């Protein structure tokens, strides 16, 4: 698998997972009155973080057996973009939003 194909696959997985976080919000009839269960959102974010971390590790380390070179810059971009997309969802966790802002 080439590096370009790997990047596209990673981007597609990340987008699909992020869209999965927003589907409950889109399903509501009254967008102004949307109530999100914070515990459910926290569980979804936690599960997504595990996937992103594992994917980033695979991108960073590459796969010598499959001829995929290590790509630390790609791993960085994946983590950075995920955190930028996640930050607005964490409005009820001001400490986490500040940590993301400070870290980036």
C-alpha atoms as a PDB file:
ATOM      1  CA  UNK A   1       0.000   0.000   0.000  1.00  0.00           C
ATOM      2  CA  UNK A   2       1.504   3.326  -1.003  1.00  0.00           C
ATOM      3  CA  UNK A   3       1.845   6.230   1.395  1.00  0.00           C
ATOM      4  CA  UNK A   4      -0.747   8.243  -0.540  1.00  0.00           C
ATOM      5  CA  UNK A   5      -3.268   5.425  -0.316  1.00  0.00           C
ATOM      6  CA  UNK A   6      -2.524   5.044   3.380  1.00  0.00           C
ATOM      7  CA  UNK A   7      -3.078   8.778   3.980  1.00  0.00           C
ATOM      8  CA  UNK A   8      -6.357   8.701   2.090  1.00  0.00           C
ATOM      9  CA  UNK A   9      -7.497   5.672   4.078  1.00  0.00           C
ATOM     10  CA  UNK A  10      -6.611   7.358   7.365  1.00  0.00           C
ATOM     11  CA  UNK A  11      -8.371  10.561   6.352  1.00  0.00           C
ATOM     12  CA  UNK A  12     -11.447   8.605   5.319  1.00  0.00           C
ATOM     13  CA  UNK A  13     -11.532   6.708   8.628  1.00  0.00           C
ATOM     14  CA  UNK A  14     -11.102   9.902  10.651  1.00  0.00           C
ATOM     15  CA  UNK A  15     -13.837  11.716   8.700  1.00  0.00           C
ATOM     16  CA  UNK A  16     -16.214   8.789   9.040  1.00  0.00           C
ATOM     17  CA  UNK A  17     -15.677   8.659  12.786  1.00  0.00           C
ATOM     18  CA  UNK A  18     -16.111  12.420  13.184  1.00  0.00           C
ATOM     19  CA  UNK A  19     -19.316  12.312  11.159  1.00  0.00           C
ATOM     20  CA  UNK A  20     -20.521   9.570  13.503  1.00  0.00           C
ATOM     21  CA  UNK A  21     -20.195  12.028  16.376  1.00  0.00           C
ATOM     22  CA  UNK A  22     -22.391  14.580  14.599  1.00  0.00           C
ATOM     23  CA  UNK A  23     -25.171  12.264  13.352  1.00  0.00           C
ATOM     24  CA  UNK A  24     -27.130  12.407  16.646  1.00  0.00           C
ATOM     25  CA  UNK A  25     -27.114  16.202  16.379  1.00  0.00           C
ATOM     26  CA  UNK A  26     -28.388  16.181  12.780  1.00  0.00           C
ATOM     27  CA  UNK A  27     -31.187  13.724  13.579  1.00  0.00           C
ATOM     28  CA  UNK A  28     -32.995  16.191  15.843  1.00  0.00           C
ATOM     29  CA  UNK A  29     -35.974  18.093  14.416  1.00  0.00           C
ATOM     30  CA  UNK A  30     -35.222  21.329  16.285  1.00  0.00           C
ATOM     31  CA  UNK A  31     -31.522  22.190  15.991  1.00  0.00           C
ATOM     32  CA  UNK A  32     -31.873  25.098  18.439  1.00  0.00           C
ATOM     33  CA  UNK A  33     -33.136  22.741  21.155  1.00  0.00           C
ATOM     34  CA  UNK A  34     -30.558  19.989  20.762  1.00  0.00           C
ATOM     35  CA  UNK A  35     -29.584  18.368  24.018  1.00  0.00           C
ATOM     36  CA  UNK A  36     -26.504  16.188  23.938  1.00  0.00           C
ATOM     37  CA  UNK A  37     -25.962  13.648  26.669  1.00  0.00           C
ATOM     38  CA  UNK A  38     -22.486  14.551  27.888  1.00  0.00           C
ATOM     39  CA  UNK A  39     -21.725  11.059  29.138  1.00  0.00           C
ATOM     40  CA  UNK A  40     -22.564   9.552  25.744  1.00  0.00           C
ATOM     41  CA  UNK A  41     -20.472  12.178  23.965  1.00  0.00           C
ATOM     42  CA  UNK A  42     -17.577  11.558  26.351  1.00  0.00           C
ATOM     43  CA  UNK A  43     -17.723   7.807  25.631  1.00  0.00           C
ATOM     44  CA  UNK A  44     -17.802   8.446  21.882  1.00  0.00           C
ATOM     45  CA  UNK A  45     -14.858  10.842  22.090  1.00  0.00           C
ATOM     46  CA  UNK A  46     -12.937   8.345  24.235  1.00  0.00           C
ATOM     47  CA  UNK A  47     -13.520   5.548  21.711  1.00  0.00           C
ATOM     48  CA  UNK A  48     -12.528   7.825  18.842  1.00  0.00           C
ATOM     49  CA  UNK A  49      -9.351   8.922  20.638  1.00  0.00           C
ATOM     50  CA  UNK A  50      -8.270   5.293  20.928  1.00  0.00           C
ATOM     51  CA  UNK A  51      -8.742   4.794  17.178  1.00  0.00           C
ATOM     52  CA  UNK A  52      -6.903   8.017  16.305  1.00  0.00           C
ATOM     53  CA  UNK A  53      -3.988   7.197  18.638  1.00  0.00           C
ATOM     54  CA  UNK A  54      -3.635   3.681  17.204  1.00  0.00           C
ATOM     55  CA  UNK A  55      -3.870   4.982  13.645  1.00  0.00           C
ATOM     56  CA  UNK A  56      -1.324   7.727  14.376  1.00  0.00           C
ATOM     57  CA  UNK A  57       1.088   5.168  15.811  1.00  0.00           C
ATOM     58  CA  UNK A  58       0.747   3.062  12.659  1.00  0.00           C
ATOM     59  CA  UNK A  59       1.378   6.114  10.457  1.00  0.00           C
ATOM     60  CA  UNK A  60       4.343   7.240  12.587  1.00  0.00           C
ATOM     61  CA  UNK A  61       6.016   3.829  12.611  1.00  0.00           C
ATOM     62  CA  UNK A  62       5.130   2.753   9.080  1.00  0.00           C
ATOM     63  CA  UNK A  63       5.191  -0.889   8.081  1.00  0.00           C
ATOM     64  CA  UNK A  64       8.544  -2.123   6.798  1.00  0.00           C
ATOM     65  CA  UNK A  65       7.034  -5.511   5.920  1.00  0.00           C
ATOM     66  CA  UNK A  66       4.546  -3.820   3.588  1.00  0.00           C
ATOM     67  CA  UNK A  67       7.054  -1.263   2.324  1.00  0.00           C
ATOM     68  CA  UNK A  68       5.353   1.694   4.049  1.00  0.00           C
ATOM     69  CA  UNK A  69       7.944   4.139   5.383  1.00  0.00           C
ATOM     70  CA  UNK A  70       7.581   5.868   8.772  1.00  0.00           C
ATOM     71  CA  UNK A  71       5.722   9.173   8.530  1.00  0.00           C
ATOM     72  CA  UNK A  72       6.043  11.255  11.732  1.00  0.00           C
ATOM     73  CA  UNK A  73       4.747  14.380   9.955  1.00  0.00           C
ATOM     74  CA  UNK A  74       1.607  12.531   8.854  1.00  0.00           C
ATOM     75  CA  UNK A  75       1.047  11.359  12.421  1.00  0.00           C
ATOM     76  CA  UNK A  76       1.388  14.935  13.668  1.00  0.00           C
ATOM     77  CA  UNK A  77      -1.122  16.221  11.096  1.00  0.00           C
ATOM     78  CA  UNK A  78      -3.599  13.484  12.008  1.00  0.00           C
ATOM     79  CA  UNK A  79      -3.387  14.305  15.728  1.00  0.00           C
ATOM     80  CA  UNK A  80      -3.474  18.070  15.166  1.00  0.00           C
ATOM     81  CA  UNK A  81      -6.472  17.953  12.832  1.00  0.00           C
ATOM     82  CA  UNK A  82      -8.365  15.659  15.161  1.00  0.00           C
ATOM     83  CA  UNK A  83      -7.782  17.963  18.132  1.00  0.00           C
ATOM     84  CA  UNK A  84      -8.840  21.012  16.112  1.00  0.00           C
ATOM     85  CA  UNK A  85     -12.061  19.246  15.124  1.00  0.00           C
ATOM     86  CA  UNK A  86     -12.671  17.977  18.668  1.00  0.00           C
ATOM     87  CA  UNK A  87     -12.086  21.248  20.510  1.00  0.00           C
ATOM     88  CA  UNK A  88     -15.509  22.868  19.793  1.00  0.00           C
ATOM     89  CA  UNK A  89     -17.326  19.734  20.954  1.00  0.00           C
ATOM     90  CA  UNK A  90     -15.775  20.026  24.399  1.00  0.00           C
ATOM     91  CA  UNK A  91     -17.507  23.252  25.424  1.00  0.00           C
ATOM     92  CA  UNK A  92     -18.485  21.744  28.760  1.00  0.00           C
ATOM     93  CA  UNK A  93     -14.843  20.760  29.440  1.00  0.00           C
ATOM     94  CA  UNK A  94     -13.144  24.159  29.543  1.00  0.00           C
ATOM     95  CA  UNK A  95      -9.993  22.602  31.008  1.00  0.00           C
ATOM     96  CA  UNK A  96      -9.648  20.249  28.025  1.00  0.00           C
ATOM     97  CA  UNK A  97     -10.301  23.058  25.551  1.00  0.00           C
ATOM     98  CA  UNK A  98      -7.566  25.127  27.216  1.00  0.00           C
ATOM     99  CA  UNK A  99      -5.188  22.159  27.170  1.00  0.00           C
ATOM    100  CA  UNK A 100      -5.780  21.667  23.431  1.00  0.00           C
ATOM    101  CA  UNK A 101      -5.310  25.375  22.741  1.00  0.00           C
ATOM    102  CA  UNK A 102      -2.141  25.532  24.837  1.00  0.00           C
ATOM    103  CA  UNK A 103      -0.729  22.346  23.348  1.00  0.00           C
ATOM    104  CA  UNK A 104      -1.284  23.428  19.767  1.00  0.00           C
END
